[in-house]
Every structure is written in C-alpha cells, then in structure tokens.
Amino acid sequence: MSGTSYNNVIINLGDQATILGAVFSITGSAPSTASVTVTEMIGGGTFVCAANDCTVAQHDDNGTALSMNGKLFTTTRRVSVTGRVTGISGTGPTAILSVLLDHSGLTVQVTAASTQSNGA
C-alpha cells in the first residue's frame, strides 16, 4: 500500500515525511515538552506531539511552547512535524499513515494528504 502526499508524491513505508498543520491547543508548563494538539492541514484530523517536534516559520510573536528550531509559538500558528512512515492503511490521499516522529519518538496517525513526502 502507498499514500499520496499533499504535493502529489507517492508515500511508501520508510519514507521521511513532513506533516503540515496548525496548532489547536497547548498544555503543560515546560515550553519544549508541552503537549501540542495539531490540526492537520487537509482532512481536519488531529494528533498530539511534543512542542519540540514542531518547527515554525520565523515570526515576531511570543507563545507558551518552544519549537525544535527555538521559536516560541502559540495556538493557530502553522507548524511542520517530521517523522518516518512506519505504517500505511489504505491508498491515495486518504490513506492513514503511522508516522514515528523524529524528535520525541511518539507515533501519530495522519492522512497522507496532510503530509509532504521527503522520500526515503
């Protein structure tokens, strides 16, 4: 089985992928390990990761969570989360991917269409 990414690239087991989304909520008091609920860019599903699993674009605002690239961020901020695809259920853009996150080692499930494939 394989999924189809946001950028219309086939996603296979073992591929590196970037999940695209926006921060829905942040809980916890330690900025880098706060729990972040992310809404997928396409499909509207959600997953929870550590703040330091996220990367954010350069910006001037402050926040309660600290990203992998050292930027504070808050809710509604767009984030990218990277990991390796360890499982695929279904095919095409609606396939559900299991992604082992690079930083925290958590595994999350997301729709293929909410990811960008970075290849193997």
PDB file of N, CA and C in Angstrom:
ATOM      1  N   MET A   1       0.832  -1.186   0.000  1.00  0.00           N
ATOM      2  CA  MET A   1       0.000   0.000   0.000  1.00  0.00           C
ATOM      3  C   MET A   1       0.876   1.249   0.000  1.00  0.00           C
ATOM      4  N   SER A   2       0.326   2.316  -0.527  1.00  0.00           N
ATOM      5  CA  SER A   2       1.038   3.594  -0.523  1.00  0.00           C
ATOM      6  C   SER A   2       0.026   4.725  -0.425  1.00  0.00           C
ATOM      7  N   GLY A   3       0.481   5.834   0.084  1.00  0.00           N
ATOM      8  CA  GLY A   3      -0.353   7.024   0.176  1.00  0.00           C
ATOM      9  C   GLY A   3       0.098   8.054  -0.839  1.00  0.00           C
ATOM     10  N   THR A   4      -0.711   9.093  -0.999  1.00  0.00           N
ATOM     11  CA  THR A   4      -0.362  10.200  -1.891  1.00  0.00           C
ATOM     12  C   THR A   4      -0.308  11.471  -1.058  1.00  0.00           C
ATOM     13  N   SER A   5       0.817  12.163  -1.110  1.00  0.00           N
ATOM     14  CA  SER A   5       1.050  13.336  -0.274  1.00  0.00           C
ATOM     15  C   SER A   5       0.351  14.580  -0.830  1.00  0.00           C
ATOM     16  N   TYR A   6       0.419  15.642  -0.034  1.00  0.00           N
ATOM     17  CA  TYR A   6      -0.098  16.962  -0.403  1.00  0.00           C
ATOM     18  C   TYR A   6       0.496  17.434  -1.721  1.00  0.00           C
ATOM     19  N   ASN A   7       1.774  17.140  -1.923  1.00  0.00           N
ATOM     20  CA  ASN A   7       2.452  17.559  -3.145  1.00  0.00           C
ATOM     21  C   ASN A   7       2.384  16.481  -4.238  1.00  0.00           C
ATOM     22  N   ASN A   8       1.386  15.569  -4.120  1.00  0.00           N
ATOM     23  CA  ASN A   8       1.063  14.552  -5.124  1.00  0.00           C
ATOM     24  C   ASN A   8       2.215  13.581  -5.394  1.00  0.00           C
ATOM     25  N   VAL A   9       2.964  13.251  -4.347  1.00  0.00           N
ATOM     26  CA  VAL A   9       4.068  12.302  -4.439  1.00  0.00           C
ATOM     27  C   VAL A   9       3.649  11.035  -3.686  1.00  0.00           C
ATOM     28  N   ILE A  10       3.997   9.889  -4.238  1.00  0.00           N
ATOM     29  CA  ILE A  10       3.691   8.615  -3.589  1.00  0.00           C
ATOM     30  C   ILE A  10       4.498   8.500  -2.297  1.00  0.00           C
ATOM     31  N   ILE A  11       3.837   8.034  -1.231  1.00  0.00           N
ATOM     32  CA  ILE A  11       4.475   7.822   0.066  1.00  0.00           C
ATOM     33  C   ILE A  11       4.514   6.324   0.328  1.00  0.00           C
ATOM     34  N   ASN A  12       5.693   5.820   0.642  1.00  0.00           N
ATOM     35  CA  ASN A  12       5.881   4.401   0.923  1.00  0.00           C
ATOM     36  C   ASN A  12       6.377   4.201   2.348  1.00  0.00           C
ATOM     37  N   LEU A  13       6.295   2.967   2.821  1.00  0.00           N
ATOM     38  CA  LEU A  13       6.857   2.635   4.132  1.00  0.00           C
ATOM     39  C   LEU A  13       8.327   3.028   4.174  1.00  0.00           C
ATOM     40  N   GLY A  14       8.748   3.609   5.269  1.00  0.00           N
ATOM     41  CA  GLY A  14      10.136   4.002   5.441  1.00  0.00           C
ATOM     42  C   GLY A  14      10.462   5.400   4.952  1.00  0.00           C
ATOM     43  N   ASP A  15       9.537   6.026   4.221  1.00  0.00           N
ATOM     44  CA  ASP A  15       9.788   7.385   3.729  1.00  0.00           C
ATOM     45  C   ASP A  15       9.809   8.388   4.871  1.00  0.00           C
ATOM     46  N   GLN A  16      10.596   9.422   4.714  1.00  0.00           N
ATOM     47  CA  GLN A  16      10.595  10.568   5.614  1.00  0.00           C
ATOM     48  C   GLN A  16       9.452  11.477   5.166  1.00  0.00           C
ATOM     49  N   ALA A  17       8.650  11.971   6.105  1.00  0.00           N
ATOM     50  CA  ALA A  17       7.514  12.812   5.751  1.00  0.00           C
ATOM     51  C   ALA A  17       7.428  14.008   6.685  1.00  0.00           C
ATOM     52  N   THR A  18       6.866  15.086   6.169  1.00  0.00           N
ATOM     53  CA  THR A  18       6.599  16.281   6.963  1.00  0.00           C
ATOM     54  C   THR A  18       5.098  16.460   7.040  1.00  0.00           C
ATOM     55  N   ILE A  19       4.574  16.491   8.262  1.00  0.00           N
ATOM     56  CA  ILE A  19       3.143  16.690   8.487  1.00  0.00           C
ATOM     57  C   ILE A  19       2.900  18.195   8.590  1.00  0.00           C
ATOM     58  N   LEU A  20       1.908  18.686   7.851  1.00  0.00           N
ATOM     59  CA  LEU A  20       1.578  20.111   7.843  1.00  0.00           C
ATOM     60  C   LEU A  20       0.305  20.333   8.636  1.00  0.00           C
ATOM     61  N   GLY A  21       0.301  21.340   9.502  1.00  0.00           N
ATOM     62  CA  GLY A  21      -0.890  21.594  10.298  1.00  0.00           C
ATOM     63  C   GLY A  21      -0.841  22.929  11.009  1.00  0.00           C
ATOM     64  N   ALA A  22      -1.806  23.123  11.893  1.00  0.00           N
ATOM     65  CA  ALA A  22      -1.899  24.339  12.698  1.00  0.00           C
ATOM     66  C   ALA A  22      -2.149  23.936  14.148  1.00  0.00           C
ATOM     67  N   VAL A  23      -1.599  24.695  15.074  1.00  0.00           N
ATOM     68  CA  VAL A  23      -1.732  24.390  16.499  1.00  0.00           C
ATOM     69  C   VAL A  23      -3.149  24.697  16.964  1.00  0.00           C
ATOM     70  N   PHE A  24      -3.781  23.691  17.565  1.00  0.00           N
ATOM     71  CA  PHE A  24      -5.128  23.855  18.101  1.00  0.00           C
ATOM     72  C   PHE A  24      -5.076  24.173  19.592  1.00  0.00           C
ATOM     73  N   SER A  25      -4.206  23.481  20.328  1.00  0.00           N
ATOM     74  CA  SER A  25      -4.086  23.757  21.762  1.00  0.00           C
ATOM     75  C   SER A  25      -2.703  23.353  22.257  1.00  0.00           C
ATOM     76  N   ILE A  26      -2.329  23.943  23.403  1.00  0.00           N
ATOM     77  CA  ILE A  26      -1.052  23.662  24.050  1.00  0.00           C
ATOM     78  C   ILE A  26      -1.328  23.446  25.529  1.00  0.00           C
ATOM     79  N   THR A  27      -0.821  22.341  26.082  1.00  0.00           N
ATOM     80  CA  THR A  27      -0.971  22.081  27.512  1.00  0.00           C
ATOM     81  C   THR A  27       0.385  21.718  28.088  1.00  0.00           C
ATOM     82  N   GLY A  28       0.570  22.018  29.358  1.00  0.00           N
ATOM     83  CA  GLY A  28       1.832  21.723  30.027  1.00  0.00           C
ATOM     84  C   GLY A  28       2.600  22.994  30.287  1.00  0.00           C
ATOM     85  N   SER A  29       3.546  22.910  31.233  1.00  0.00           N
ATOM     86  CA  SER A  29       4.252  24.116  31.647  1.00  0.00           C
ATOM     87  C   SER A  29       5.676  24.210  31.117  1.00  0.00           C
ATOM     88  N   ALA A  30       6.266  23.112  30.687  1.00  0.00           N
ATOM     89  CA  ALA A  30       7.636  23.164  30.159  1.00  0.00           C
ATOM     90  C   ALA A  30       7.563  23.488  28.671  1.00  0.00           C
ATOM     91  N   PRO A  31       8.129  24.611  28.241  1.00  0.00           N
ATOM     92  CA  PRO A  31       7.937  25.059  26.859  1.00  0.00           C
ATOM     93  C   PRO A  31       8.314  24.043  25.785  1.00  0.00           C
ATOM     94  N   SER A  32       9.440  23.334  25.936  1.00  0.00           N
ATOM     95  CA  SER A  32       9.868  22.441  24.857  1.00  0.00           C
ATOM     96  C   SER A  32       9.158  21.097  24.875  1.00  0.00           C
ATOM     97  N   THR A  33       8.634  20.679  26.021  1.00  0.00           N
ATOM     98  CA  THR A  33       7.963  19.384  26.098  1.00  0.00           C
ATOM     99  C   THR A  33       6.455  19.505  26.314  1.00  0.00           C
ATOM    100  N   ALA A  34       5.915  20.699  26.187  1.00  0.00           N
ATOM    101  CA  ALA A  34       4.469  20.880  26.293  1.00  0.00           C
ATOM    102  C   ALA A  34       3.778  20.000  25.255  1.00  0.00           C
ATOM    103  N   SER A  35       2.586  19.529  25.568  1.00  0.00           N
ATOM    104  CA  SER A  35       1.803  18.740  24.618  1.00  0.00           C
ATOM    105  C   SER A  35       1.075  19.691  23.675  1.00  0.00           C
ATOM    106  N   VAL A  36       1.236  19.451  22.391  1.00  0.00           N
ATOM    107  CA  VAL A  36       0.641  20.306  21.372  1.00  0.00           C
ATOM    108  C   VAL A  36      -0.346  19.479  20.557  1.00  0.00           C
ATOM    109  N   THR A  37      -1.592  19.941  20.500  1.00  0.00           N
ATOM    110  CA  THR A  37      -2.581  19.306  19.633  1.00  0.00           C
ATOM    111  C   THR A  37      -2.554  20.050  18.311  1.00  0.00           C
ATOM    112  N   VAL A  38      -2.285  19.306  17.240  1.00  0.00           N
ATOM    113  CA  VAL A  38      -2.156  19.874  15.905  1.00  0.00           C
ATOM    114  C   VAL A  38      -3.322  19.410  15.046  1.00  0.00           C
ATOM    115  N   THR A  39      -3.961  20.349  14.334  1.00  0.00           N
ATOM    116  CA  THR A  39      -4.991  20.019  13.358  1.00  0.00           C
ATOM    117  C   THR A  39      -4.326  19.897  12.002  1.00  0.00           C
ATOM    118  N   GLU A  40      -4.546  18.753  11.337  1.00  0.00           N
ATOM    119  CA  GLU A  40      -3.951  18.527  10.027  1.00  0.00           C
ATOM    120  C   GLU A  40      -4.431  19.567   9.024  1.00  0.00           C
ATOM    121  N   MET A  41      -3.546  19.957   8.113  1.00  0.00           N
ATOM    122  CA  MET A  41      -3.859  20.960   7.105  1.00  0.00           C
ATOM    123  C   MET A  41      -5.011  20.513   6.206  1.00  0.00           C
ATOM    124  N   ILE A  42      -5.039  19.256   5.846  1.00  0.00           N
ATOM    125  CA  ILE A  42      -6.104  18.714   4.998  1.00  0.00           C
ATOM    126  C   ILE A  42      -6.735  17.550   5.741  1.00  0.00           C
ATOM    127  N   GLY A  43      -8.037  17.501   5.763  1.00  0.00           N
ATOM    128  CA  GLY A  43      -8.734  16.401   6.410  1.00  0.00           C
ATOM    129  C   GLY A  43      -9.260  16.725   7.781  1.00  0.00           C
ATOM    130  N   GLY A  44      -8.637  17.679   8.464  1.00  0.00           N
ATOM    131  CA  GLY A  44      -9.149  18.131   9.757  1.00  0.00           C
ATOM    132  C   GLY A  44      -8.885  17.211  10.925  1.00  0.00           C
ATOM    133  N   GLY A  45      -8.150  16.117  10.722  1.00  0.00           N
ATOM    134  CA  GLY A  45      -7.810  15.248  11.834  1.00  0.00           C
ATOM    135  C   GLY A  45      -6.863  15.949  12.790  1.00  0.00           C
ATOM    136  N   THR A  46      -6.709  15.406  13.981  1.00  0.00           N
ATOM    137  CA  THR A  46      -5.795  15.985  14.962  1.00  0.00           C
ATOM    138  C   THR A  46      -4.848  14.912  15.484  1.00  0.00           C
ATOM    139  N   PHE A  47      -3.712  15.358  15.973  1.00  0.00           N
ATOM    140  CA  PHE A  47      -2.781  14.474  16.666  1.00  0.00           C
ATOM    141  C   PHE A  47      -2.068  15.299  17.722  1.00  0.00           C
ATOM    142  N   VAL A  48      -1.469  14.608  18.680  1.00  0.00           N
ATOM    143  CA  VAL A  48      -0.754  15.282  19.772  1.00  0.00           C
ATOM    144  C   VAL A  48       0.724  14.931  19.665  1.00  0.00           C
ATOM    145  N   CYS A  49       1.565  15.955  19.805  1.00  0.00           N
ATOM    146  CA  CYS A  49       3.014  15.770  19.787  1.00  0.00           C
ATOM    147  C   CYS A  49       3.626  16.667  20.853  1.00  0.00           C
ATOM    148  N   ALA A  50       4.929  16.560  21.035  1.00  0.00           N
ATOM    149  CA  ALA A  50       5.653  17.462  21.936  1.00  0.00           C
ATOM    150  C   ALA A  50       5.953  18.757  21.184  1.00  0.00           C
ATOM    151  N   ALA A  51       6.032  19.857  21.899  1.00  0.00           N
ATOM    152  CA  ALA A  51       6.306  21.160  21.268  1.00  0.00           C
ATOM    153  C   ALA A  51       7.579  21.109  20.437  1.00  0.00           C
ATOM    154  N   ASN A  52       8.609  20.407  20.937  1.00  0.00           N
ATOM    155  CA  ASN A  52       9.859  20.388  20.198  1.00  0.00           C
ATOM    156  C   ASN A  52       9.873  19.388  19.041  1.00  0.00           C
ATOM    157  N   ASP A  53       8.734  18.755  18.743  1.00  0.00           N
ATOM    158  CA  ASP A  53       8.567  18.009  17.485  1.00  0.00           C
ATOM    159  C   ASP A  53       8.237  18.979  16.352  1.00  0.00           C
ATOM    160  N   CYS A  54       7.763  20.161  16.700  1.00  0.00           N
ATOM    161  CA  CYS A  54       7.276  21.136  15.723  1.00  0.00           C
ATOM    162  C   CYS A  54       8.388  22.070  15.260  1.00  0.00           C
ATOM    163  N   THR A  55       8.292  22.503  14.019  1.00  0.00           N
ATOM    164  CA  THR A  55       9.088  23.621  13.549  1.00  0.00           C
ATOM    165  C   THR A  55       8.111  24.693  13.079  1.00  0.00           C
ATOM    166  N   VAL A  56       8.486  25.948  13.254  1.00  0.00           N
ATOM    167  CA  VAL A  56       7.639  27.072  12.857  1.00  0.00           C
ATOM    168  C   VAL A  56       8.465  28.065  12.053  1.00  0.00           C
ATOM    169  N   ALA A  57       7.790  28.811  11.209  1.00  0.00           N
ATOM    170  CA  ALA A  57       8.465  29.842  10.414  1.00  0.00           C
ATOM    171  C   ALA A  57       8.897  30.994  11.315  1.00  0.00           C
ATOM    172  N   GLN A  58       9.847  31.763  10.826  1.00  0.00           N
ATOM    173  CA  GLN A  58      10.291  32.952  11.548  1.00  0.00           C
ATOM    174  C   GLN A  58       9.100  33.877  11.783  1.00  0.00           C
ATOM    175  N   HIS A  59       8.956  34.382  13.002  1.00  0.00           N
ATOM    176  CA  HIS A  59       7.860  35.292  13.340  1.00  0.00           C
ATOM    177  C   HIS A  59       8.259  36.126  14.546  1.00  0.00           C
ATOM    178  N   ASP A  60       7.445  37.122  14.850  1.00  0.00           N
ATOM    179  CA  ASP A  60       7.772  38.059  15.930  1.00  0.00           C
ATOM    180  C   ASP A  60       6.962  37.861  17.198  1.00  0.00           C
ATOM    181  N   ASP A  61       5.928  37.005  17.153  1.00  0.00           N
ATOM    182  CA  ASP A  61       5.086  36.878  18.342  1.00  0.00           C
ATOM    183  C   ASP A  61       5.690  35.906  19.352  1.00  0.00           C
ATOM    184  N   ASN A  62       5.195  35.955  20.569  1.00  0.00           N
ATOM    185  CA  ASN A  62       5.634  35.066  21.638  1.00  0.00           C
ATOM    186  C   ASN A  62       4.631  33.938  21.782  1.00  0.00           C
ATOM    187  N   GLY A  63       4.904  33.017  22.665  1.00  0.00           N
ATOM    188  CA  GLY A  63       3.980  31.921  22.902  1.00  0.00           C
ATOM    189  C   GLY A  63       4.404  31.119  24.106  1.00  0.00           C
ATOM    190  N   THR A  64       3.673  30.038  24.351  1.00  0.00           N
ATOM    191  CA  THR A  64       3.923  29.211  25.524  1.00  0.00           C
ATOM    192  C   THR A  64       4.676  27.933  25.201  1.00  0.00           C
ATOM    193  N   ALA A  65       4.869  27.633  23.914  1.00  0.00           N
ATOM    194  CA  ALA A  65       5.560  26.412  23.517  1.00  0.00           C
ATOM    195  C   ALA A  65       6.835  26.779  22.754  1.00  0.00           C
ATOM    196  N   LEU A  66       7.857  25.924  22.870  1.00  0.00           N
ATOM    197  CA  LEU A  66       9.142  26.175  22.227  1.00  0.00           C
ATOM    198  C   LEU A  66       9.383  25.110  21.153  1.00  0.00           C
ATOM    199  N   SER A  67       9.552  25.566  19.911  1.00  0.00           N
ATOM    200  CA  SER A  67       9.714  24.651  18.781  1.00  0.00           C
ATOM    201  C   SER A  67      11.117  24.069  18.702  1.00  0.00           C
ATOM    202  N   MET A  68      11.273  23.076  17.822  1.00  0.00           N
ATOM    203  CA  MET A  68      12.569  22.447  17.590  1.00  0.00           C
ATOM    204  C   MET A  68      13.605  23.467  17.119  1.00  0.00           C
ATOM    205  N   ASN A  69      13.139  24.479  16.361  1.00  0.00           N
ATOM    206  CA  ASN A  69      14.068  25.491  15.846  1.00  0.00           C
ATOM    207  C   ASN A  69      14.159  26.729  16.752  1.00  0.00           C
ATOM    208  N   GLY A  70      13.748  26.588  18.018  1.00  0.00           N
ATOM    209  CA  GLY A  70      13.979  27.631  19.009  1.00  0.00           C
ATOM    210  C   GLY A  70      13.028  28.809  18.976  1.00  0.00           C
ATOM    211  N   LYS A  71      11.885  28.667  18.302  1.00  0.00           N
ATOM    212  CA  LYS A  71      10.901  29.754  18.228  1.00  0.00           C
ATOM    213  C   LYS A  71       9.741  29.456  19.177  1.00  0.00           C
ATOM    214  N   LEU A  72       9.366  30.451  19.974  1.00  0.00           N
ATOM    215  CA  LEU A  72       8.161  30.324  20.792  1.00  0.00           C
ATOM    216  C   LEU A  72       6.946  30.418  19.880  1.00  0.00           C
ATOM    217  N   PHE A  73       5.906  29.644  20.193  1.00  0.00           N
ATOM    218  CA  PHE A  73       4.693  29.716  19.382  1.00  0.00           C
ATOM    219  C   PHE A  73       3.468  29.474  20.242  1.00  0.00           C
ATOM    220  N   THR A  74       2.323  29.809  19.694  1.00  0.00           N
ATOM    221  CA  THR A  74       1.061  29.666  20.398  1.00  0.00           C
ATOM    222  C   THR A  74       0.017  29.079  19.449  1.00  0.00           C
ATOM    223  N   THR A  75      -1.237  29.045  19.888  1.00  0.00           N
ATOM    224  CA  THR A  75      -2.296  28.444  19.077  1.00  0.00           C
ATOM    225  C   THR A  75      -2.504  29.218  17.778  1.00  0.00           C
ATOM    226  N   THR A  76      -3.009  28.532  16.805  1.00  0.00           N
ATOM    227  CA  THR A  76      -3.281  28.962  15.425  1.00  0.00           C
ATOM    228  C   THR A  76      -2.024  29.085  14.569  1.00  0.00           C
ATOM    229  N   ARG A  77      -0.849  28.975  15.153  1.00  0.00           N
ATOM    230  CA  ARG A  77       0.401  29.052  14.391  1.00  0.00           C
ATOM    231  C   ARG A  77       0.534  27.802  13.512  1.00  0.00           C
ATOM    232  N   ARG A  78       0.933  27.981  12.253  1.00  0.00           N
ATOM    233  CA  ARG A  78       1.199  26.837  11.370  1.00  0.00           C
ATOM    234  C   ARG A  78       2.501  26.172  11.778  1.00  0.00           C
ATOM    235  N   VAL A  79       2.488  24.831  11.770  1.00  0.00           N
ATOM    236  CA  VAL A  79       3.670  24.066  12.152  1.00  0.00           C
ATOM    237  C   VAL A  79       3.932  22.946  11.151  1.00  0.00           C
ATOM    238  N   SER A  80       5.166  22.476  11.158  1.00  0.00           N
ATOM    239  CA  SER A  80       5.569  21.286  10.415  1.00  0.00           C
ATOM    240  C   SER A  80       6.147  20.312  11.425  1.00  0.00           C
ATOM    241  N   VAL A  81       5.818  19.022  11.246  1.00  0.00           N
ATOM    242  CA  VAL A  81       6.298  17.980  12.148  1.00  0.00           C
ATOM    243  C   VAL A  81       6.883  16.866  11.287  1.00  0.00           C
ATOM    244  N   THR A  82       8.130  16.476  11.545  1.00  0.00           N
ATOM    245  CA  THR A  82       8.776  15.482  10.690  1.00  0.00           C
ATOM    246  C   THR A  82       8.864  14.115  11.357  1.00  0.00           C
ATOM    247  N   GLY A  83       8.859  13.090  10.511  1.00  0.00           N
ATOM    248  CA  GLY A  83       8.988  11.731  11.010  1.00  0.00           C
ATOM    249  C   GLY A  83       9.124  10.730   9.880  1.00  0.00           C
ATOM    250  N   ARG A  84       9.204   9.452  10.255  1.00  0.00           N
ATOM    251  CA  ARG A  84       9.348   8.360   9.293  1.00  0.00           C
ATOM    252  C   ARG A  84       8.065   7.552   9.263  1.00  0.00           C
ATOM    253  N   VAL A  85       7.590   7.219   8.059  1.00  0.00           N
ATOM    254  CA  VAL A  85       6.357   6.449   7.883  1.00  0.00           C
ATOM    255  C   VAL A  85       6.620   4.996   8.261  1.00  0.00           C
ATOM    256  N   THR A  86       5.888   4.498   9.265  1.00  0.00           N
ATOM    257  CA  THR A  86       6.067   3.128   9.737  1.00  0.00           C
ATOM    258  C   THR A  86       4.879   2.235   9.417  1.00  0.00           C
ATOM    259  N   GLY A  87       3.780   2.828   8.951  1.00  0.00           N
ATOM    260  CA  GLY A  87       2.607   2.035   8.593  1.00  0.00           C
ATOM    261  C   GLY A  87       1.700   2.818   7.665  1.00  0.00           C
ATOM    262  N   ILE A  88       0.997   2.091   6.779  1.00  0.00           N
ATOM    263  CA  ILE A  88       0.059   2.717   5.847  1.00  0.00           C
ATOM    264  C   ILE A  88      -1.186   1.851   5.783  1.00  0.00           C
ATOM    265  N   SER A  89      -2.345   2.478   5.975  1.00  0.00           N
ATOM    266  CA  SER A  89      -3.624   1.796   5.846  1.00  0.00           C
ATOM    267  C   SER A  89      -4.428   2.515   4.774  1.00  0.00           C
ATOM    268  N   GLY A  90      -4.767   1.818   3.694  1.00  0.00           N
ATOM    269  CA  GLY A  90      -5.487   2.438   2.593  1.00  0.00           C
ATOM    270  C   GLY A  90      -4.525   2.901   1.516  1.00  0.00           C
ATOM    271  N   THR A  91      -5.068   3.622   0.544  1.00  0.00           N
ATOM    272  CA  THR A  91      -4.253   4.115  -0.566  1.00  0.00           C
ATOM    273  C   THR A  91      -4.657   5.538  -0.915  1.00  0.00           C
ATOM    274  N   GLY A  92      -3.798   6.201  -1.677  1.00  0.00           N
ATOM    275  CA  GLY A  92      -4.093   7.545  -2.165  1.00  0.00           C
ATOM    276  C   GLY A  92      -4.010   8.598  -1.083  1.00  0.00           C
ATOM    277  N   PRO A  93      -4.634   9.752  -1.329  1.00  0.00           N
ATOM    278  CA  PRO A  93      -4.545  10.876  -0.380  1.00  0.00           C
ATOM    279  C   PRO A  93      -5.288  10.634   0.934  1.00  0.00           C
ATOM    280  N   THR A  94      -6.230   9.695   0.936  1.00  0.00           N
ATOM    281  CA  THR A  94      -6.986   9.414   2.169  1.00  0.00           C
ATOM    282  C   THR A  94      -6.363   8.297   3.000  1.00  0.00           C
ATOM    283  N   ALA A  95      -5.242   7.742   2.550  1.00  0.00           N
ATOM    284  CA  ALA A  95      -4.555   6.699   3.319  1.00  0.00           C
ATOM    285  C   ALA A  95      -4.176   7.238   4.695  1.00  0.00           C
ATOM    286  N   ILE A  96      -4.236   6.383   5.699  1.00  0.00           N
ATOM    287  CA  ILE A  96      -3.829   6.765   7.050  1.00  0.00           C
ATOM    288  C   ILE A  96      -2.398   6.292   7.254  1.00  0.00           C
ATOM    289  N   LEU A  97      -1.522   7.232   7.588  1.00  0.00           N
ATOM    290  CA  LEU A  97      -0.108   6.936   7.812  1.00  0.00           C
ATOM    291  C   LEU A  97       0.188   6.895   9.300  1.00  0.00           C
ATOM    292  N   SER A  98       0.962   5.920   9.722  1.00  0.00           N
ATOM    293  CA  SER A  98       1.557   5.933  11.061  1.00  0.00           C
ATOM    294  C   SER A  98       2.938   6.536  10.886  1.00  0.00           C
ATOM    295  N   VAL A  99       3.211   7.598  11.634  1.00  0.00           N
ATOM    296  CA  VAL A  99       4.473   8.323  11.484  1.00  0.00           C
ATOM    297  C   VAL A  99       5.185   8.354  12.834  1.00  0.00           C
ATOM    298  N   LEU A 100       6.416   7.837  12.852  1.00  0.00           N
ATOM    299  CA  LEU A 100       7.266   7.880  14.037  1.00  0.00           C
ATOM    300  C   LEU A 100       7.985   9.221  14.029  1.00  0.00           C
ATOM    301  N   LEU A 101       7.652  10.095  14.982  1.00  0.00           N
ATOM    302  CA  LEU A 101       8.191  11.448  14.993  1.00  0.00           C
ATOM    303  C   LEU A 101       9.684  11.455  15.311  1.00  0.00           C
ATOM    304  N   ASP A 102      10.421  12.295  14.586  1.00  0.00           N
ATOM    305  CA  ASP A 102      11.876  12.334  14.685  1.00  0.00           C
ATOM    306  C   ASP A 102      12.395  12.706  16.067  1.00  0.00           C
ATOM    307  N   HIS A 103      11.763  13.656  16.716  1.00  0.00           N
ATOM    308  CA  HIS A 103      12.330  14.163  17.958  1.00  0.00           C
ATOM    309  C   HIS A 103      11.874  13.378  19.187  1.00  0.00           C
ATOM    310  N   SER A 104      10.579  13.277  19.397  1.00  0.00           N
ATOM    311  CA  SER A 104      10.063  12.660  20.622  1.00  0.00           C
ATOM    312  C   SER A 104       9.979  11.148  20.555  1.00  0.00           C
ATOM    313  N   GLY A 105       9.908  10.584  19.346  1.00  0.00           N
ATOM    314  CA  GLY A 105       9.729   9.145  19.208  1.00  0.00           C
ATOM    315  C   GLY A 105       8.288   8.706  19.351  1.00  0.00           C
ATOM    316  N   LEU A 106       7.357   9.665  19.480  1.00  0.00           N
ATOM    317  CA  LEU A 106       5.935   9.328  19.507  1.00  0.00           C
ATOM    318  C   LEU A 106       5.503   8.872  18.121  1.00  0.00           C
ATOM    319  N   THR A 107       4.484   8.024  18.060  1.00  0.00           N
ATOM    320  CA  THR A 107       3.893   7.634  16.784  1.00  0.00           C
ATOM    321  C   THR A 107       2.512   8.258  16.691  1.00  0.00           C
ATOM    322  N   VAL A 108       2.232   8.920  15.555  1.00  0.00           N
ATOM    323  CA  VAL A 108       0.937   9.551  15.324  1.00  0.00           C
ATOM    324  C   VAL A 108       0.340   9.014  14.029  1.00  0.00           C
ATOM    325  N   GLN A 109      -0.992   9.106  13.909  1.00  0.00           N
ATOM    326  CA  GLN A 109      -1.681   8.713  12.689  1.00  0.00           C
ATOM    327  C   GLN A 109      -2.238   9.957  12.014  1.00  0.00           C
ATOM    328  N   VAL A 110      -1.939  10.092  10.723  1.00  0.00           N
ATOM    329  CA  VAL A 110      -2.376  11.264   9.955  1.00  0.00           C
ATOM    330  C   VAL A 110      -2.798  10.833   8.558  1.00  0.00           C
ATOM    331  N   THR A 111      -3.568  11.673   7.890  1.00  0.00           N
ATOM    332  CA  THR A 111      -3.927  11.405   6.500  1.00  0.00           C
ATOM    333  C   THR A 111      -2.751  11.746   5.583  1.00  0.00           C
ATOM    334  N   ALA A 112      -2.573  10.943   4.559  1.00  0.00           N
ATOM    335  CA  ALA A 112      -1.462  11.136   3.626  1.00  0.00           C
ATOM    336  C   ALA A 112      -1.495  12.536   3.002  1.00  0.00           C
ATOM    337  N   ALA A 113      -2.692  13.046   2.702  1.00  0.00           N
ATOM    338  CA  ALA A 113      -2.816  14.347   2.042  1.00  0.00           C
ATOM    339  C   ALA A 113      -2.332  15.501   2.906  1.00  0.00           C
ATOM    340  N   SER A 114      -2.169  15.283   4.205  1.00  0.00           N
ATOM    341  CA  SER A 114      -1.685  16.361   5.081  1.00  0.00           C
ATOM    342  C   SER A 114      -0.172  16.334   5.236  1.00  0.00           C
ATOM    343  N   THR A 115       0.496  15.515   4.433  1.00  0.00           N
ATOM    344  CA  THR A 115       1.953  15.404   4.540  1.00  0.00           C
ATOM    345  C   THR A 115       2.629  15.814   3.238  1.00  0.00           C
ATOM    346  N   GLN A 116       3.909  16.110   3.353  1.00  0.00           N
ATOM    347  CA  GLN A 116       4.779  16.261   2.187  1.00  0.00           C
ATOM    348  C   GLN A 116       5.781  15.135   2.278  1.00  0.00           C
ATOM    349  N   SER A 117       5.984  14.420   1.177  1.00  0.00           N
ATOM    350  CA  SER A 117       6.938  13.321   1.168  1.00  0.00           C
ATOM    351  C   SER A 117       8.337  13.862   0.952  1.00  0.00           C
ATOM    352  N   ASN A 118       9.253  13.419   1.800  1.00  0.00           N
ATOM    353  CA  ASN A 118      10.651  13.799   1.657  1.00  0.00           C
ATOM    354  C   ASN A 118      11.475  12.631   1.124  1.00  0.00           C
ATOM    355  N   GLY A 119      10.803  11.557   0.693  1.00  0.00           N
ATOM    356  CA  GLY A 119      11.487  10.391   0.167  1.00  0.00           C
ATOM    357  C   GLY A 119      12.104   9.540   1.256  1.00  0.00           C
ATOM    358  N   ALA A 120      12.843   8.541   0.830  1.00  0.00           N
ATOM    359  CA  ALA A 120      13.441   7.585   1.783  1.00  0.00           C
ATOM    360  C   ALA A 120      14.725   8.108   2.380  1.00  0.00           C
TER     361      ALA A 120
END
